Amino acid sequence: MGLVEGLKNKEEHALRELMNQYGDYLLRTGYLLVKDHQTAEEAVQDTFVTVFHKIHQLDDPNKLKSWLTTIMINCCRSQMRKWSWKNILLTFDTTEREKEDDSVQSPEEELLEVVWNQNLSDAIQKLDYKYREVITLFYFNEWKIAEIAKHINTKESTIKSRLKRGRIILRDLLRKGEDFDDQREEAIKKSARE
């Protein structure tokens, strides 16, 4: 019996399997959208509760992941309407992504990567929600423009415009902040002192 069938039969083990299979993915997505770990966890929980109660609405079991993501996006949007999140910053310390390659980095390279990720993270969080949403779905979740448009009920041309505008704003934010070369030198000096 498949996962979706188990959920339709309200089997607890199917719900646990769903949580194990998609929990981290949804948490990362939610965290990038709402900028707060606790709120993202709440949105993930709300997503799983909604899925468990409305699984009969899923017509194609092959689209489970995208259906979950759509529900997650809606839960995050709901949270954004309720609260003001402008002062909460995202750090990649809690959303580290595993590296694809097994190459060994020097401590300096690792430190530079942390500094870069923090700068990028801070810049992403300064974006308006509409830009942050499409950038998260396109770059971090690796969705295609057509998928994003369908799931957030917007035209593909609007998604393309938001991606383009979001990238421009990100570039400007990254340039405006402290010069990356200055930060790199400071990080290397700090690493050498320790």
Protein backbone atom coordinates (compact mmCIF):
# COMPACT_ATOMS: atom_id res chain seq x y z
CA MET A 1 0.00 0.00 0.00
CA GLY A 2 1.32 3.45 -0.91
CA LEU A 3 1.88 6.43 1.32
CA VAL A 4 -1.12 8.35 -0.04
CA GLU A 5 -3.40 5.34 0.37
CA GLY A 6 -2.20 4.94 3.95
CA LEU A 7 -2.97 8.59 4.61
CA LYS A 8 -6.42 8.26 3.05
CA ASN A 9 -7.05 5.32 5.40
CA LYS A 10 -5.94 7.57 8.30
CA GLU A 11 -3.07 5.24 9.24
CA GLU A 12 -0.68 6.69 11.80
CA HIS A 13 2.40 4.98 10.34
CA ALA A 14 1.68 6.67 6.98
CA LEU A 15 1.62 10.07 8.68
CA ARG A 16 4.93 9.29 10.43
CA GLU A 17 6.44 8.21 7.11
CA LEU A 18 5.21 11.42 5.47
CA MET A 19 6.77 13.49 8.26
CA ASN A 20 10.08 11.64 8.01
CA GLN A 21 10.18 11.92 4.24
CA TYR A 22 9.19 15.59 3.84
CA GLY A 23 9.68 17.23 7.24
CA ASP A 24 13.18 18.63 6.67
CA TYR A 25 12.31 19.84 3.18
CA LEU A 26 9.22 21.69 4.43
CA LEU A 27 11.05 23.11 7.45
CA ARG A 28 13.81 24.53 5.27
CA THR A 29 11.27 26.02 2.88
CA GLY A 30 9.24 27.52 5.69
CA TYR A 31 12.30 28.90 7.43
CA LEU A 32 13.48 30.64 4.30
CA LEU A 33 10.04 32.17 3.84
CA VAL A 34 9.17 33.30 7.38
CA LYS A 35 12.70 33.85 8.78
CA ASP A 36 11.91 32.28 12.14
CA HIS A 37 12.63 28.69 13.14
CA GLN A 38 9.76 28.32 15.60
CA THR A 39 7.23 29.83 13.21
CA ALA A 40 8.50 27.57 10.42
CA GLU A 41 8.06 24.53 12.69
CA GLU A 42 4.49 25.64 13.44
CA ALA A 43 3.80 26.04 9.73
CA VAL A 44 5.17 22.53 9.07
CA GLN A 45 2.92 21.12 11.79
CA ASP A 46 -0.07 22.98 10.34
CA THR A 47 0.84 21.59 6.92
CA PHE A 48 0.89 18.00 8.16
CA VAL A 49 -2.41 18.44 10.01
CA THR A 50 -4.01 19.95 6.90
CA VAL A 51 -2.65 17.16 4.71
CA PHE A 52 -3.91 14.48 7.09
CA HIS A 53 -7.41 15.96 7.11
CA LYS A 54 -7.60 16.87 3.41
CA ILE A 55 -5.64 14.05 1.76
CA HIS A 56 -8.79 13.00 -0.11
CA GLN A 57 -8.46 16.24 -2.15
CA LEU A 58 -5.18 15.02 -3.70
CA ASP A 59 -6.10 13.57 -7.08
CA ASP A 60 -2.66 12.48 -8.29
CA PRO A 61 -0.42 10.72 -5.71
CA ASN A 62 2.61 11.61 -7.86
CA LYS A 63 2.05 15.28 -7.04
CA LEU A 64 2.22 14.81 -3.26
CA LYS A 65 5.41 16.85 -2.82
CA SER A 66 4.18 19.84 -4.80
CA TRP A 67 0.80 19.66 -3.00
CA LEU A 68 2.62 19.65 0.36
CA THR A 69 4.70 22.63 -0.74
CA THR A 70 1.63 24.56 -1.84
CA ILE A 71 0.01 23.99 1.54
CA MET A 72 3.26 25.03 3.25
CA ILE A 73 3.43 28.24 1.21
CA ASN A 74 -0.15 29.05 2.18
CA CYS A 75 0.62 28.40 5.87
CA CYS A 76 3.65 30.71 5.63
CA ARG A 77 1.63 33.41 3.89
CA SER A 78 -0.92 33.16 6.65
CA GLN A 79 1.83 33.63 9.25
CA MET A 80 3.21 36.63 7.34
CA ARG A 81 -0.21 38.27 7.37
CA LYS A 82 -0.48 37.77 11.14
CA TRP A 83 2.92 39.02 12.25
CA SER A 84 5.60 41.50 11.34
CA TRP A 85 8.85 39.62 10.76
CA LYS A 86 11.10 42.42 9.57
CA ASN A 87 13.48 42.23 12.53
CA ILE A 88 14.09 38.49 12.47
CA LEU A 89 17.21 37.43 10.59
CA LEU A 90 17.91 34.11 8.94
CA THR A 91 21.18 32.38 9.62
CA PHE A 92 22.40 29.46 7.63
CA ASP A 93 23.72 27.90 10.86
CA THR A 94 20.34 26.26 11.37
CA THR A 95 19.57 25.62 7.71
CA GLU A 96 22.88 24.24 6.58
CA ARG A 97 22.65 22.29 3.41
CA GLU A 98 24.79 19.23 2.92
CA LYS A 99 27.47 19.58 0.33
CA GLU A 100 27.31 17.47 -2.78
CA ASP A 101 31.05 17.01 -3.10
CA ASP A 102 33.42 15.43 -0.64
CA SER A 103 36.25 17.88 -1.25
CA VAL A 104 38.05 19.10 1.83
CA GLN A 105 38.12 22.84 2.42
CA SER A 106 40.76 24.69 4.33
CA PRO A 107 39.59 26.45 7.51
CA GLU A 108 39.91 29.78 5.71
CA GLU A 109 37.72 28.58 2.84
CA GLU A 110 35.13 27.27 5.28
CA LEU A 111 35.13 30.59 7.12
CA LEU A 112 34.75 32.52 3.87
CA GLU A 113 31.83 30.31 2.91
CA VAL A 114 30.15 30.97 6.27
CA VAL A 115 30.64 34.74 5.86
CA TRP A 116 29.30 34.63 2.30
CA ASN A 117 26.28 32.53 3.33
CA GLN A 118 25.52 34.93 6.17
CA ASN A 119 25.75 37.94 3.85
CA LEU A 120 23.52 36.25 1.28
CA SER A 121 21.10 35.15 3.98
CA ASP A 122 20.86 38.64 5.44
CA ALA A 123 20.31 40.11 1.97
CA ILE A 124 17.57 37.61 1.13
CA GLN A 125 15.78 38.43 4.36
CA LYS A 126 15.75 42.13 3.48
CA LEU A 127 13.74 41.41 0.33
CA ASP A 128 9.99 41.96 0.21
CA TYR A 129 8.10 38.70 0.69
CA LYS A 130 7.07 38.44 -2.98
CA TYR A 131 10.73 38.41 -4.07
CA ARG A 132 11.91 36.23 -1.18
CA GLU A 133 9.21 33.67 -2.00
CA VAL A 134 10.14 33.22 -5.67
CA ILE A 135 13.88 33.26 -4.99
CA THR A 136 13.47 30.60 -2.30
CA LEU A 137 11.34 28.37 -4.50
CA PHE A 138 13.50 28.84 -7.60
CA TYR A 139 17.01 28.64 -6.15
CA PHE A 140 16.68 26.69 -2.90
CA ASN A 141 13.85 24.32 -3.82
CA GLU A 142 14.88 24.19 -7.49
CA TRP A 143 11.37 24.65 -8.86
CA LYS A 144 10.77 25.64 -12.44
CA ILE A 145 9.11 28.96 -13.21
CA ALA A 146 5.96 27.20 -14.42
CA GLU A 147 5.69 25.27 -11.14
CA ILE A 148 6.08 28.43 -9.07
CA ALA A 149 3.47 30.26 -11.14
CA LYS A 150 1.00 27.42 -10.77
CA HIS A 151 1.47 27.02 -7.03
CA ILE A 152 1.27 30.67 -6.10
CA ASN A 153 -1.42 31.38 -8.69
CA THR A 154 0.53 33.98 -10.65
CA LYS A 155 1.52 34.40 -14.29
CA GLU A 156 4.89 33.04 -15.41
CA SER A 157 5.86 36.48 -16.67
CA THR A 158 5.25 37.87 -13.17
CA ILE A 159 7.48 35.17 -11.68
CA LYS A 160 10.23 35.98 -14.18
CA SER A 161 9.92 39.68 -13.37
CA ARG A 162 10.06 39.02 -9.64
CA LEU A 163 13.11 36.78 -10.04
CA LYS A 164 14.87 39.40 -12.14
CA ARG A 165 13.97 42.24 -9.79
CA GLY A 166 14.85 40.12 -6.74
CA ARG A 167 18.29 39.32 -8.16
CA ILE A 168 18.93 43.00 -8.88
CA ILE A 169 17.91 43.99 -5.36
CA LEU A 170 20.06 41.18 -3.90
CA ARG A 171 23.06 42.28 -5.94
CA ASP A 172 22.60 45.87 -4.77
CA LEU A 173 22.19 44.79 -1.14
CA LEU A 174 25.33 42.67 -1.30
CA ARG A 175 27.28 45.52 -2.89
CA LYS A 176 25.93 48.08 -0.44
CA GLY A 177 26.97 46.15 2.63
CA GLU A 178 30.54 45.90 3.69
CA ASP A 179 32.76 44.98 0.81
CA PHE A 180 33.14 41.20 0.70
CA ASP A 181 36.90 41.46 0.24
CA ASP A 182 37.19 43.47 3.47
CA GLN A 183 35.13 40.84 5.30
CA ARG A 184 37.25 38.05 3.84
CA GLU A 185 40.47 39.70 5.04
CA GLU A 186 38.99 40.31 8.48
CA ALA A 187 37.77 36.69 8.71
CA ILE A 188 41.19 35.35 7.73
CA LYS A 189 42.90 37.60 10.31
CA LYS A 190 40.43 36.49 12.99
CA SER A 191 40.96 32.85 12.08
CA ALA A 192 44.74 33.29 12.29
CA ARG A 193 44.44 34.82 15.78
CA GLU A 194 42.44 31.85 17.09
